Amino acid sequence: MALLQNSDILAQVKLAEIKLYQFSQDLQQKFKFIQEIRVIGAIAAWKLDLPILVIQQTAMLALKLGLYLRPIGNIVYILPPIYNLTNDLKIILPQIEELFIHLDQINRP
């Protein structure tokens, strides 16, 4: 509790929420298979209109990029740790975009 009371973590989470939402909107413009985006705090979720076989590959592809994602059905979630959030987002946002590039390539006939 002392850490939360004596730090700017909550402010960082709010900034992260804005950054994740803007980033997700940009992704949705680039990748038409992103049907819906949701962001709350440091949690982001993307509803994907992809074949289930492609979505099932998401977690493994993400791990290869150094990301830990949680796919549930056709929704993919990410929740980065908040203790180093600002720096972590600098690393993971390009990795997330790279993941969606791979998914787009897999999905093409």
N, C-alpha and C. Protein backbone atom coordinates (compact mmCIF):
# COMPACT_ATOMS: atom_id res chain seq x y z
N MET A 1 0.83 -1.20 0.00
CA MET A 1 0.00 0.00 0.00
C MET A 1 0.87 1.26 0.00
N ALA A 2 1.97 1.20 0.75
CA ALA A 2 2.85 2.37 0.81
C ALA A 2 3.37 2.71 -0.57
N LEU A 3 3.71 1.67 -1.33
CA LEU A 3 4.20 1.90 -2.69
C LEU A 3 3.16 2.64 -3.53
N LEU A 4 1.92 2.21 -3.45
CA LEU A 4 0.86 2.87 -4.21
C LEU A 4 0.63 4.31 -3.74
N GLN A 5 0.70 4.52 -2.44
CA GLN A 5 0.45 5.86 -1.89
C GLN A 5 1.59 6.83 -2.15
N ASN A 6 2.81 6.30 -2.23
CA ASN A 6 3.98 7.17 -2.34
C ASN A 6 4.61 7.17 -3.73
N SER A 7 3.88 6.74 -4.72
CA SER A 7 4.44 6.73 -6.07
C SER A 7 3.43 7.30 -7.05
N ASP A 8 3.86 7.38 -8.28
CA ASP A 8 2.98 7.89 -9.33
C ASP A 8 2.44 6.75 -10.20
N ILE A 9 2.34 5.55 -9.64
CA ILE A 9 1.88 4.40 -10.41
C ILE A 9 0.49 4.64 -11.00
N LEU A 10 -0.41 5.19 -10.21
CA LEU A 10 -1.77 5.40 -10.72
C LEU A 10 -1.78 6.38 -11.89
N ALA A 11 -0.96 7.41 -11.81
CA ALA A 11 -0.85 8.36 -12.93
C ALA A 11 -0.24 7.67 -14.15
N GLN A 12 0.74 6.80 -13.92
CA GLN A 12 1.35 6.06 -15.03
C GLN A 12 0.34 5.13 -15.70
N VAL A 13 -0.51 4.51 -14.88
CA VAL A 13 -1.54 3.63 -15.44
C VAL A 13 -2.52 4.43 -16.28
N LYS A 14 -2.90 5.60 -15.83
CA LYS A 14 -3.83 6.44 -16.60
C LYS A 14 -3.20 6.85 -17.93
N LEU A 15 -1.92 7.24 -17.90
CA LEU A 15 -1.22 7.58 -19.15
C LEU A 15 -1.11 6.36 -20.06
N ALA A 16 -0.85 5.21 -19.46
CA ALA A 16 -0.76 3.98 -20.24
C ALA A 16 -2.09 3.66 -20.91
N GLU A 17 -3.18 3.89 -20.19
CA GLU A 17 -4.50 3.64 -20.74
C GLU A 17 -4.73 4.48 -22.01
N ILE A 18 -4.35 5.74 -21.94
CA ILE A 18 -4.50 6.64 -23.10
C ILE A 18 -3.63 6.15 -24.25
N LYS A 19 -2.38 5.81 -23.93
CA LYS A 19 -1.44 5.36 -24.95
C LYS A 19 -1.91 4.04 -25.58
N LEU A 20 -2.35 3.10 -24.75
CA LEU A 20 -2.83 1.82 -25.27
C LEU A 20 -4.08 2.00 -26.14
N TYR A 21 -4.96 2.90 -25.75
CA TYR A 21 -6.17 3.13 -26.54
C TYR A 21 -5.82 3.74 -27.90
N GLN A 22 -4.96 4.74 -27.90
CA GLN A 22 -4.55 5.36 -29.17
C GLN A 22 -3.83 4.34 -30.06
N PHE A 23 -2.95 3.57 -29.44
CA PHE A 23 -2.23 2.53 -30.17
C PHE A 23 -3.21 1.52 -30.77
N SER A 24 -4.19 1.11 -29.98
CA SER A 24 -5.17 0.13 -30.44
C SER A 24 -6.02 0.67 -31.58
N GLN A 25 -6.37 1.95 -31.51
CA GLN A 25 -7.11 2.56 -32.61
C GLN A 25 -6.28 2.55 -33.89
N ASP A 26 -4.99 2.86 -33.77
CA ASP A 26 -4.10 2.82 -34.93
C ASP A 26 -4.02 1.40 -35.51
N LEU A 27 -3.91 0.41 -34.61
CA LEU A 27 -3.88 -0.98 -35.07
C LEU A 27 -5.16 -1.34 -35.81
N GLN A 28 -6.29 -0.90 -35.28
CA GLN A 28 -7.57 -1.22 -35.90
C GLN A 28 -7.68 -0.62 -37.30
N GLN A 29 -7.07 0.54 -37.50
CA GLN A 29 -7.06 1.15 -38.83
C GLN A 29 -6.18 0.34 -39.80
N LYS A 30 -5.07 -0.20 -39.30
CA LYS A 30 -4.13 -0.96 -40.13
C LYS A 30 -4.62 -2.37 -40.43
N PHE A 31 -5.22 -2.99 -39.45
CA PHE A 31 -5.58 -4.40 -39.56
C PHE A 31 -7.09 -4.54 -39.45
N LYS A 32 -7.72 -4.80 -40.57
CA LYS A 32 -9.18 -4.84 -40.63
C LYS A 32 -9.77 -6.02 -39.86
N PHE A 33 -8.94 -7.00 -39.48
CA PHE A 33 -9.45 -8.13 -38.72
C PHE A 33 -9.65 -7.80 -37.24
N ILE A 34 -9.22 -6.63 -36.81
CA ILE A 34 -9.48 -6.21 -35.43
C ILE A 34 -10.88 -5.60 -35.41
N GLN A 35 -11.83 -6.33 -34.84
CA GLN A 35 -13.23 -5.92 -34.84
C GLN A 35 -13.52 -4.90 -33.74
N GLU A 36 -12.93 -5.10 -32.60
CA GLU A 36 -13.27 -4.29 -31.44
C GLU A 36 -12.03 -4.15 -30.56
N ILE A 37 -11.89 -2.98 -29.94
CA ILE A 37 -10.80 -2.78 -28.99
C ILE A 37 -11.39 -2.38 -27.64
N ARG A 38 -10.71 -2.83 -26.60
CA ARG A 38 -11.10 -2.44 -25.24
C ARG A 38 -9.83 -2.15 -24.46
N VAL A 39 -9.85 -1.07 -23.72
CA VAL A 39 -8.71 -0.71 -22.88
C VAL A 39 -9.25 -0.17 -21.57
N ILE A 40 -8.71 -0.69 -20.49
CA ILE A 40 -9.01 -0.15 -19.17
C ILE A 40 -7.73 -0.24 -18.35
N GLY A 41 -7.28 0.90 -17.89
CA GLY A 41 -6.01 0.94 -17.17
C GLY A 41 -4.91 0.43 -18.07
N ALA A 42 -4.14 -0.54 -17.60
CA ALA A 42 -3.05 -1.09 -18.38
C ALA A 42 -3.44 -2.36 -19.12
N ILE A 43 -4.73 -2.68 -19.15
CA ILE A 43 -5.21 -3.87 -19.83
C ILE A 43 -5.76 -3.48 -21.20
N ALA A 44 -5.31 -4.19 -22.23
CA ALA A 44 -5.84 -3.97 -23.57
C ALA A 44 -6.35 -5.30 -24.10
N ALA A 45 -7.43 -5.24 -24.88
CA ALA A 45 -8.00 -6.43 -25.49
C ALA A 45 -8.43 -6.10 -26.91
N TRP A 46 -8.22 -7.06 -27.78
CA TRP A 46 -8.58 -6.90 -29.19
C TRP A 46 -9.41 -8.09 -29.61
N LYS A 47 -10.61 -7.83 -30.12
CA LYS A 47 -11.47 -8.89 -30.66
C LYS A 47 -11.09 -9.07 -32.12
N LEU A 48 -10.71 -10.29 -32.47
CA LEU A 48 -10.17 -10.57 -33.80
C LEU A 48 -11.15 -11.37 -34.64
N ASP A 49 -11.32 -10.95 -35.87
CA ASP A 49 -12.11 -11.68 -36.85
C ASP A 49 -11.15 -12.49 -37.71
N LEU A 50 -10.66 -13.58 -37.12
CA LEU A 50 -9.72 -14.46 -37.79
C LEU A 50 -10.18 -15.90 -37.60
N PRO A 51 -9.76 -16.78 -38.50
CA PRO A 51 -10.09 -18.20 -38.29
C PRO A 51 -9.50 -18.68 -36.96
N ILE A 52 -10.19 -19.61 -36.33
CA ILE A 52 -9.77 -20.09 -35.02
C ILE A 52 -8.36 -20.69 -35.06
N LEU A 53 -7.99 -21.30 -36.17
CA LEU A 53 -6.64 -21.86 -36.28
C LEU A 53 -5.57 -20.78 -36.24
N VAL A 54 -5.87 -19.62 -36.78
CA VAL A 54 -4.93 -18.49 -36.72
C VAL A 54 -4.87 -17.94 -35.30
N ILE A 55 -6.02 -17.78 -34.68
CA ILE A 55 -6.06 -17.25 -33.32
C ILE A 55 -5.34 -18.19 -32.35
N GLN A 56 -5.46 -19.49 -32.58
CA GLN A 56 -4.77 -20.45 -31.72
C GLN A 56 -3.25 -20.30 -31.79
N GLN A 57 -2.73 -19.77 -32.87
CA GLN A 57 -1.30 -19.56 -33.02
C GLN A 57 -0.81 -18.27 -32.35
N THR A 58 -1.75 -17.44 -31.93
CA THR A 58 -1.41 -16.13 -31.40
C THR A 58 -0.48 -16.19 -30.19
N ALA A 59 -0.80 -17.02 -29.21
CA ALA A 59 0.01 -17.08 -27.99
C ALA A 59 1.43 -17.53 -28.30
N MET A 60 1.58 -18.53 -29.16
CA MET A 60 2.92 -19.03 -29.50
C MET A 60 3.71 -17.98 -30.28
N LEU A 61 3.08 -17.32 -31.23
CA LEU A 61 3.75 -16.25 -31.96
C LEU A 61 4.16 -15.13 -31.02
N ALA A 62 3.28 -14.79 -30.09
CA ALA A 62 3.57 -13.73 -29.14
C ALA A 62 4.77 -14.10 -28.27
N LEU A 63 4.83 -15.34 -27.81
CA LEU A 63 5.96 -15.78 -26.99
C LEU A 63 7.28 -15.64 -27.74
N LYS A 64 7.27 -15.96 -29.02
CA LYS A 64 8.48 -15.82 -29.83
C LYS A 64 8.93 -14.36 -29.91
N LEU A 65 7.98 -13.44 -29.76
CA LEU A 65 8.30 -12.01 -29.78
C LEU A 65 8.57 -11.45 -28.38
N GLY A 66 8.47 -12.30 -27.37
CA GLY A 66 8.71 -11.86 -26.00
C GLY A 66 7.48 -11.31 -25.30
N LEU A 67 6.31 -11.62 -25.82
CA LEU A 67 5.06 -11.13 -25.24
C LEU A 67 4.30 -12.26 -24.57
N TYR A 68 3.64 -11.92 -23.49
CA TYR A 68 2.74 -12.86 -22.83
C TYR A 68 1.33 -12.34 -23.01
N LEU A 69 0.60 -12.99 -23.91
CA LEU A 69 -0.77 -12.61 -24.20
C LEU A 69 -1.70 -13.71 -23.71
N ARG A 70 -2.95 -13.33 -23.51
CA ARG A 70 -3.96 -14.31 -23.11
C ARG A 70 -5.07 -14.31 -24.14
N PRO A 71 -5.07 -15.31 -25.01
CA PRO A 71 -6.20 -15.43 -25.94
C PRO A 71 -7.34 -16.20 -25.27
N ILE A 72 -8.53 -15.66 -25.35
CA ILE A 72 -9.73 -16.34 -24.87
C ILE A 72 -10.75 -16.23 -26.01
N GLY A 73 -11.02 -17.36 -26.63
CA GLY A 73 -11.89 -17.34 -27.80
C GLY A 73 -11.23 -16.52 -28.89
N ASN A 74 -11.94 -15.52 -29.38
CA ASN A 74 -11.38 -14.66 -30.43
C ASN A 74 -10.93 -13.31 -29.88
N ILE A 75 -10.70 -13.24 -28.58
CA ILE A 75 -10.22 -12.01 -27.95
C ILE A 75 -8.83 -12.26 -27.37
N VAL A 76 -7.93 -11.32 -27.63
CA VAL A 76 -6.56 -11.41 -27.14
C VAL A 76 -6.35 -10.28 -26.15
N TYR A 77 -5.84 -10.63 -24.96
CA TYR A 77 -5.63 -9.67 -23.88
C TYR A 77 -4.15 -9.52 -23.58
N ILE A 78 -3.76 -8.33 -23.14
CA ILE A 78 -2.43 -8.13 -22.61
C ILE A 78 -2.54 -7.28 -21.35
N LEU A 79 -1.76 -7.64 -20.36
CA LEU A 79 -1.72 -6.91 -19.10
C LEU A 79 -0.27 -6.82 -18.66
N PRO A 80 0.43 -5.76 -19.08
CA PRO A 80 1.84 -5.63 -18.67
C PRO A 80 1.93 -5.28 -17.19
N PRO A 81 3.03 -5.66 -16.55
CA PRO A 81 3.21 -5.30 -15.14
C PRO A 81 3.28 -3.78 -14.99
N ILE A 82 2.74 -3.26 -13.91
CA ILE A 82 2.65 -1.80 -13.78
C ILE A 82 3.84 -1.16 -13.10
N TYR A 83 4.77 -1.95 -12.57
CA TYR A 83 5.89 -1.35 -11.84
C TYR A 83 6.88 -0.63 -12.74
N ASN A 84 6.92 -0.96 -14.03
CA ASN A 84 7.82 -0.31 -14.97
C ASN A 84 7.07 -0.03 -16.27
N LEU A 85 5.85 0.40 -16.13
CA LEU A 85 4.90 0.47 -17.23
C LEU A 85 5.35 1.35 -18.39
N THR A 86 5.81 2.53 -18.09
CA THR A 86 6.20 3.46 -19.16
C THR A 86 7.29 2.87 -20.04
N ASN A 87 8.30 2.31 -19.42
CA ASN A 87 9.39 1.71 -20.20
C ASN A 87 8.95 0.43 -20.89
N ASP A 88 8.13 -0.37 -20.22
CA ASP A 88 7.65 -1.61 -20.83
C ASP A 88 6.83 -1.33 -22.08
N LEU A 89 6.00 -0.30 -22.06
CA LEU A 89 5.19 0.01 -23.23
C LEU A 89 6.05 0.37 -24.44
N LYS A 90 7.18 1.01 -24.19
CA LYS A 90 8.09 1.34 -25.30
C LYS A 90 8.59 0.07 -25.99
N ILE A 91 8.68 -0.99 -25.22
CA ILE A 91 9.17 -2.26 -25.76
C ILE A 91 8.03 -3.08 -26.37
N ILE A 92 6.92 -3.18 -25.64
CA ILE A 92 5.89 -4.13 -26.08
C ILE A 92 4.99 -3.62 -27.20
N LEU A 93 4.80 -2.32 -27.31
CA LEU A 93 3.91 -1.84 -28.38
C LEU A 93 4.42 -2.20 -29.77
N PRO A 94 5.71 -2.01 -30.06
CA PRO A 94 6.20 -2.47 -31.37
C PRO A 94 6.11 -3.99 -31.53
N GLN A 95 6.26 -4.73 -30.44
CA GLN A 95 6.14 -6.18 -30.51
C GLN A 95 4.70 -6.59 -30.82
N ILE A 96 3.75 -5.89 -30.23
CA ILE A 96 2.34 -6.18 -30.51
C ILE A 96 2.03 -5.90 -31.98
N GLU A 97 2.52 -4.80 -32.48
CA GLU A 97 2.29 -4.50 -33.90
C GLU A 97 2.92 -5.57 -34.78
N GLU A 98 4.12 -6.02 -34.43
CA GLU A 98 4.77 -7.08 -35.19
C GLU A 98 3.94 -8.37 -35.15
N LEU A 99 3.35 -8.67 -34.00
CA LEU A 99 2.49 -9.83 -33.88
C LEU A 99 1.31 -9.73 -34.85
N PHE A 100 0.67 -8.57 -34.90
CA PHE A 100 -0.47 -8.41 -35.80
C PHE A 100 -0.05 -8.46 -37.26
N ILE A 101 1.15 -8.02 -37.57
CA ILE A 101 1.67 -8.16 -38.94
C ILE A 101 1.77 -9.64 -39.29
N HIS A 102 2.31 -10.45 -38.36
CA HIS A 102 2.40 -11.89 -38.58
C HIS A 102 1.01 -12.52 -38.75
N LEU A 103 0.07 -12.13 -37.91
CA LEU A 103 -1.29 -12.67 -38.02
C LEU A 103 -1.91 -12.32 -39.36
N ASP A 104 -1.66 -11.10 -39.82
CA ASP A 104 -2.18 -10.66 -41.11
C ASP A 104 -1.59 -11.50 -42.23
N GLN A 105 -0.29 -11.78 -42.15
CA GLN A 105 0.38 -12.59 -43.19
C GLN A 105 -0.14 -14.02 -43.18
N ILE A 106 -0.35 -14.59 -42.00
CA ILE A 106 -0.87 -15.95 -41.90
C ILE A 106 -2.27 -16.04 -42.47
N ASN A 107 -3.05 -14.99 -42.26
CA ASN A 107 -4.45 -14.98 -42.66
C ASN A 107 -4.64 -14.78 -44.16
N ARG A 108 -3.65 -14.30 -44.83
CA ARG A 108 -3.79 -14.06 -46.28
C ARG A 108 -3.81 -15.37 -47.05
N PRO A 109 -4.69 -15.44 -48.06
CA PRO A 109 -4.76 -16.68 -48.86
C PRO A 109 -3.54 -16.86 -49.74
